[in-house]
Amino acid sequence: MRCRSCTPVPEEVRRAAGLLERRHAIAILWASTSGAVRFNEFRQSVTGVPPKTLSERLRELEQAGVLERRVVDASPPYAEYRLTARGRRLASVVQALQSL
């Protein structure tokens, strides 16, 4: 029997799925759940990702409003990434994958 009253997939779900299907995006979100993370900490946590790819994914997640990049005024200055409210909601979905 065919489903004649199927509900279309909401645009928000499509965008989230498109973002998460990018290679290493789920691993980056997972690594972000512990708090502020620096670039080299991501490299240690998400092994095997070329630095250029990691940088691109961080930028994409930042543009999507999932991660927030903050430059810390120290000597030398450094950047750290934190989950936004949107990112925390998405990270809870990623954390649910652990129990599968």
N, C-alpha and C. Protein backbone atom coordinates (compact mmCIF):
# COMPACT_ATOMS: atom_id res chain seq x y z
N MET A 1 0.85 -1.17 0.00
CA MET A 1 0.00 0.00 0.00
C MET A 1 0.90 1.24 0.00
N ARG A 2 0.58 2.19 -0.83
CA ARG A 2 1.34 3.44 -0.91
C ARG A 2 0.82 4.45 0.09
N CYS A 3 1.71 5.28 0.55
CA CYS A 3 1.34 6.34 1.49
C CYS A 3 0.83 7.53 0.69
N ARG A 4 -0.41 7.82 0.82
CA ARG A 4 -1.00 8.92 0.05
C ARG A 4 -1.00 10.24 0.83
N SER A 5 -0.71 10.16 2.13
CA SER A 5 -0.74 11.38 2.93
C SER A 5 0.61 11.64 3.60
N CYS A 6 1.71 11.27 2.93
CA CYS A 6 3.04 11.48 3.51
C CYS A 6 3.32 12.98 3.62
N THR A 7 3.90 13.34 4.74
CA THR A 7 4.26 14.73 4.98
C THR A 7 5.63 15.00 4.38
N PRO A 8 5.80 16.08 3.63
CA PRO A 8 7.12 16.40 3.08
C PRO A 8 8.13 16.67 4.19
N VAL A 9 9.38 16.38 3.90
CA VAL A 9 10.45 16.63 4.87
C VAL A 9 10.61 18.14 5.03
N PRO A 10 10.58 18.65 6.28
CA PRO A 10 10.72 20.09 6.49
C PRO A 10 12.09 20.60 6.02
N GLU A 11 12.12 21.82 5.58
CA GLU A 11 13.35 22.43 5.07
C GLU A 11 14.45 22.44 6.13
N GLU A 12 14.10 22.65 7.40
CA GLU A 12 15.10 22.67 8.46
C GLU A 12 15.79 21.31 8.58
N VAL A 13 15.03 20.24 8.43
CA VAL A 13 15.59 18.89 8.50
C VAL A 13 16.51 18.64 7.31
N ARG A 14 16.10 19.10 6.14
CA ARG A 14 16.94 18.95 4.94
C ARG A 14 18.27 19.69 5.10
N ARG A 15 18.22 20.90 5.63
CA ARG A 15 19.45 21.68 5.82
C ARG A 15 20.37 21.00 6.82
N ALA A 16 19.81 20.52 7.93
CA ALA A 16 20.62 19.84 8.95
C ALA A 16 21.24 18.57 8.38
N ALA A 17 20.47 17.82 7.63
CA ALA A 17 20.99 16.59 7.02
C ALA A 17 22.09 16.92 6.02
N GLY A 18 21.90 17.97 5.24
CA GLY A 18 22.92 18.38 4.28
C GLY A 18 24.21 18.78 4.97
N LEU A 19 24.09 19.44 6.09
CA LEU A 19 25.27 19.86 6.84
C LEU A 19 25.98 18.66 7.46
N LEU A 20 25.21 17.75 8.03
CA LEU A 20 25.81 16.59 8.70
C LEU A 20 26.36 15.55 7.73
N GLU A 21 25.90 15.56 6.49
CA GLU A 21 26.42 14.58 5.56
C GLU A 21 27.81 14.96 5.04
N ARG A 22 28.25 16.16 5.32
CA ARG A 22 29.61 16.56 4.95
C ARG A 22 30.59 15.72 5.74
N ARG A 23 31.62 15.29 5.10
CA ARG A 23 32.60 14.41 5.73
C ARG A 23 33.21 15.06 6.96
N HIS A 24 33.24 14.36 8.05
CA HIS A 24 33.84 14.74 9.34
C HIS A 24 32.99 15.72 10.15
N ALA A 25 31.88 16.18 9.64
CA ALA A 25 31.06 17.15 10.38
C ALA A 25 30.52 16.56 11.67
N ILE A 26 30.09 15.31 11.64
CA ILE A 26 29.54 14.68 12.84
C ILE A 26 30.65 14.52 13.88
N ALA A 27 31.84 14.12 13.46
CA ALA A 27 32.95 13.95 14.39
C ALA A 27 33.34 15.29 15.01
N ILE A 28 33.31 16.35 14.24
CA ILE A 28 33.63 17.69 14.75
C ILE A 28 32.60 18.11 15.79
N LEU A 29 31.32 17.87 15.49
CA LEU A 29 30.28 18.19 16.48
C LEU A 29 30.48 17.39 17.75
N TRP A 30 30.80 16.12 17.61
CA TRP A 30 31.04 15.27 18.79
C TRP A 30 32.18 15.85 19.63
N ALA A 31 33.26 16.23 18.98
CA ALA A 31 34.42 16.77 19.70
C ALA A 31 34.08 18.10 20.38
N SER A 32 33.10 18.81 19.86
CA SER A 32 32.72 20.11 20.41
C SER A 32 31.86 20.03 21.66
N THR A 33 31.36 18.86 21.96
CA THR A 33 30.41 18.75 23.07
C THR A 33 31.06 18.95 24.43
N SER A 34 32.39 18.87 24.50
CA SER A 34 33.05 19.00 25.80
C SER A 34 33.34 20.45 26.19
N GLY A 35 33.04 21.39 25.33
CA GLY A 35 33.28 22.80 25.62
C GLY A 35 34.11 23.45 24.53
N ALA A 36 34.81 24.52 24.87
CA ALA A 36 35.61 25.25 23.90
C ALA A 36 36.76 24.37 23.40
N VAL A 37 36.96 24.38 22.09
CA VAL A 37 37.98 23.54 21.48
C VAL A 37 38.83 24.39 20.54
N ARG A 38 40.13 24.20 20.61
CA ARG A 38 41.05 24.86 19.70
C ARG A 38 41.27 23.98 18.47
N PHE A 39 41.82 24.58 17.42
CA PHE A 39 42.03 23.87 16.16
C PHE A 39 42.86 22.60 16.37
N ASN A 40 43.98 22.71 17.06
CA ASN A 40 44.85 21.54 17.25
C ASN A 40 44.20 20.47 18.12
N GLU A 41 43.31 20.87 19.01
CA GLU A 41 42.57 19.88 19.79
C GLU A 41 41.61 19.11 18.90
N PHE A 42 41.00 19.81 17.93
CA PHE A 42 40.17 19.11 16.94
C PHE A 42 41.03 18.11 16.16
N ARG A 43 42.21 18.52 15.76
CA ARG A 43 43.10 17.64 14.99
C ARG A 43 43.44 16.38 15.79
N GLN A 44 43.62 16.51 17.09
CA GLN A 44 43.92 15.34 17.92
C GLN A 44 42.69 14.45 18.10
N SER A 45 41.55 15.07 18.23
CA SER A 45 40.32 14.33 18.48
C SER A 45 39.78 13.67 17.22
N VAL A 46 39.81 14.39 16.12
CA VAL A 46 39.28 13.89 14.85
C VAL A 46 40.47 13.52 13.98
N THR A 47 41.04 12.36 14.23
CA THR A 47 42.28 11.97 13.55
C THR A 47 42.04 11.66 12.08
N GLY A 48 43.07 11.88 11.29
CA GLY A 48 43.02 11.55 9.88
C GLY A 48 42.39 12.60 8.99
N VAL A 49 42.05 13.75 9.54
CA VAL A 49 41.45 14.81 8.75
C VAL A 49 42.54 15.80 8.36
N PRO A 50 42.73 16.03 7.06
CA PRO A 50 43.73 17.02 6.66
C PRO A 50 43.38 18.40 7.23
N PRO A 51 44.38 19.19 7.60
CA PRO A 51 44.11 20.51 8.18
C PRO A 51 43.22 21.39 7.30
N LYS A 52 43.41 21.33 6.01
CA LYS A 52 42.59 22.15 5.10
C LYS A 52 41.11 21.75 5.18
N THR A 53 40.86 20.46 5.21
CA THR A 53 39.48 19.96 5.31
C THR A 53 38.87 20.34 6.64
N LEU A 54 39.63 20.20 7.71
CA LEU A 54 39.14 20.56 9.04
C LEU A 54 38.80 22.04 9.09
N SER A 55 39.64 22.85 8.53
CA SER A 55 39.41 24.30 8.49
C SER A 55 38.13 24.62 7.71
N GLU A 56 37.93 23.94 6.60
CA GLU A 56 36.73 24.17 5.78
C GLU A 56 35.47 23.77 6.54
N ARG A 57 35.51 22.62 7.22
CA ARG A 57 34.33 22.16 7.97
C ARG A 57 34.02 23.10 9.13
N LEU A 58 35.06 23.56 9.81
CA LEU A 58 34.83 24.51 10.91
C LEU A 58 34.19 25.78 10.39
N ARG A 59 34.66 26.26 9.25
CA ARG A 59 34.09 27.46 8.64
C ARG A 59 32.63 27.23 8.24
N GLU A 60 32.34 26.06 7.65
CA GLU A 60 30.96 25.75 7.25
C GLU A 60 30.03 25.67 8.46
N LEU A 61 30.51 25.02 9.52
CA LEU A 61 29.69 24.91 10.72
C LEU A 61 29.49 26.27 11.39
N GLU A 62 30.49 27.13 11.28
CA GLU A 62 30.36 28.49 11.81
C GLU A 62 29.34 29.28 10.99
N GLN A 63 29.42 29.18 9.68
CA GLN A 63 28.48 29.91 8.82
C GLN A 63 27.04 29.41 8.99
N ALA A 64 26.90 28.13 9.32
CA ALA A 64 25.57 27.57 9.54
C ALA A 64 25.01 27.91 10.91
N GLY A 65 25.82 28.57 11.75
CA GLY A 65 25.35 28.96 13.07
C GLY A 65 25.42 27.84 14.09
N VAL A 66 26.23 26.80 13.81
CA VAL A 66 26.37 25.67 14.72
C VAL A 66 27.53 25.88 15.68
N LEU A 67 28.61 26.46 15.18
CA LEU A 67 29.78 26.77 15.99
C LEU A 67 30.00 28.27 16.03
N GLU A 68 30.58 28.72 17.12
CA GLU A 68 30.97 30.12 17.27
C GLU A 68 32.49 30.15 17.40
N ARG A 69 33.12 30.97 16.59
CA ARG A 69 34.58 31.12 16.66
C ARG A 69 34.88 32.38 17.45
N ARG A 70 35.75 32.24 18.45
CA ARG A 70 36.09 33.38 19.28
C ARG A 70 37.61 33.47 19.37
N VAL A 71 38.14 34.66 19.09
CA VAL A 71 39.58 34.88 19.20
C VAL A 71 39.86 35.35 20.62
N VAL A 72 40.77 34.65 21.29
CA VAL A 72 41.14 34.96 22.66
C VAL A 72 42.38 35.84 22.63
N ASP A 73 42.28 36.97 23.29
CA ASP A 73 43.39 37.93 23.32
C ASP A 73 44.40 37.48 24.38
N ALA A 74 45.35 36.69 23.94
CA ALA A 74 46.40 36.17 24.82
C ALA A 74 47.73 36.37 24.10
N SER A 75 48.77 35.88 24.66
CA SER A 75 50.06 36.00 24.01
C SER A 75 50.61 34.59 23.78
N PRO A 76 50.59 34.08 22.59
CA PRO A 76 50.00 34.60 21.35
C PRO A 76 48.47 34.40 21.34
N PRO A 77 47.77 35.21 20.53
CA PRO A 77 46.32 35.06 20.43
C PRO A 77 45.97 33.71 19.80
N TYR A 78 44.82 33.19 20.16
CA TYR A 78 44.37 31.93 19.58
C TYR A 78 42.85 31.96 19.43
N ALA A 79 42.35 31.05 18.60
CA ALA A 79 40.90 30.96 18.38
C ALA A 79 40.39 29.68 19.02
N GLU A 80 39.19 29.75 19.54
CA GLU A 80 38.53 28.57 20.06
C GLU A 80 37.11 28.53 19.52
N TYR A 81 36.58 27.35 19.46
CA TYR A 81 35.24 27.13 18.91
C TYR A 81 34.34 26.57 19.98
N ARG A 82 33.11 27.07 20.02
CA ARG A 82 32.09 26.61 20.97
C ARG A 82 30.81 26.35 20.21
N LEU A 83 30.03 25.42 20.72
CA LEU A 83 28.71 25.19 20.15
C LEU A 83 27.78 26.35 20.48
N THR A 84 26.98 26.75 19.54
CA THR A 84 25.93 27.73 19.77
C THR A 84 24.70 26.98 20.30
N ALA A 85 23.64 27.70 20.57
CA ALA A 85 22.39 27.04 21.00
C ALA A 85 21.92 26.08 19.92
N ARG A 86 21.99 26.49 18.68
CA ARG A 86 21.62 25.62 17.55
C ARG A 86 22.54 24.40 17.51
N GLY A 87 23.81 24.63 17.74
CA GLY A 87 24.78 23.54 17.73
C GLY A 87 24.55 22.54 18.84
N ARG A 88 24.15 23.03 20.01
CA ARG A 88 23.86 22.13 21.14
C ARG A 88 22.66 21.24 20.83
N ARG A 89 21.65 21.81 20.16
CA ARG A 89 20.49 21.00 19.77
C ARG A 89 20.91 19.92 18.77
N LEU A 90 21.73 20.29 17.83
CA LEU A 90 22.20 19.34 16.83
C LEU A 90 23.14 18.31 17.45
N ALA A 91 23.96 18.74 18.39
CA ALA A 91 24.89 17.82 19.06
C ALA A 91 24.14 16.77 19.87
N SER A 92 22.98 17.12 20.39
CA SER A 92 22.22 16.11 21.14
C SER A 92 21.77 14.98 20.22
N VAL A 93 21.50 15.30 18.97
CA VAL A 93 21.15 14.27 17.99
C VAL A 93 22.37 13.40 17.71
N VAL A 94 23.52 14.02 17.59
CA VAL A 94 24.77 13.29 17.34
C VAL A 94 25.09 12.39 18.54
N GLN A 95 24.90 12.89 19.74
CA GLN A 95 25.18 12.09 20.93
C GLN A 95 24.23 10.89 21.01
N ALA A 96 23.01 11.03 20.51
CA ALA A 96 22.07 9.92 20.51
C ALA A 96 22.55 8.78 19.62
N LEU A 97 23.39 9.07 18.64
CA LEU A 97 23.93 8.04 17.77
C LEU A 97 24.81 7.05 18.54
N GLN A 98 25.38 7.50 19.63
CA GLN A 98 26.27 6.65 20.41
C GLN A 98 25.53 5.42 20.96
N SER A 99 24.27 5.58 21.27
CA SER A 99 23.53 4.48 21.88
C SER A 99 22.93 3.52 20.86
N LEU A 100 23.18 3.74 19.58
CA LEU A 100 22.63 2.81 18.57
C LEU A 100 23.42 1.55 18.47
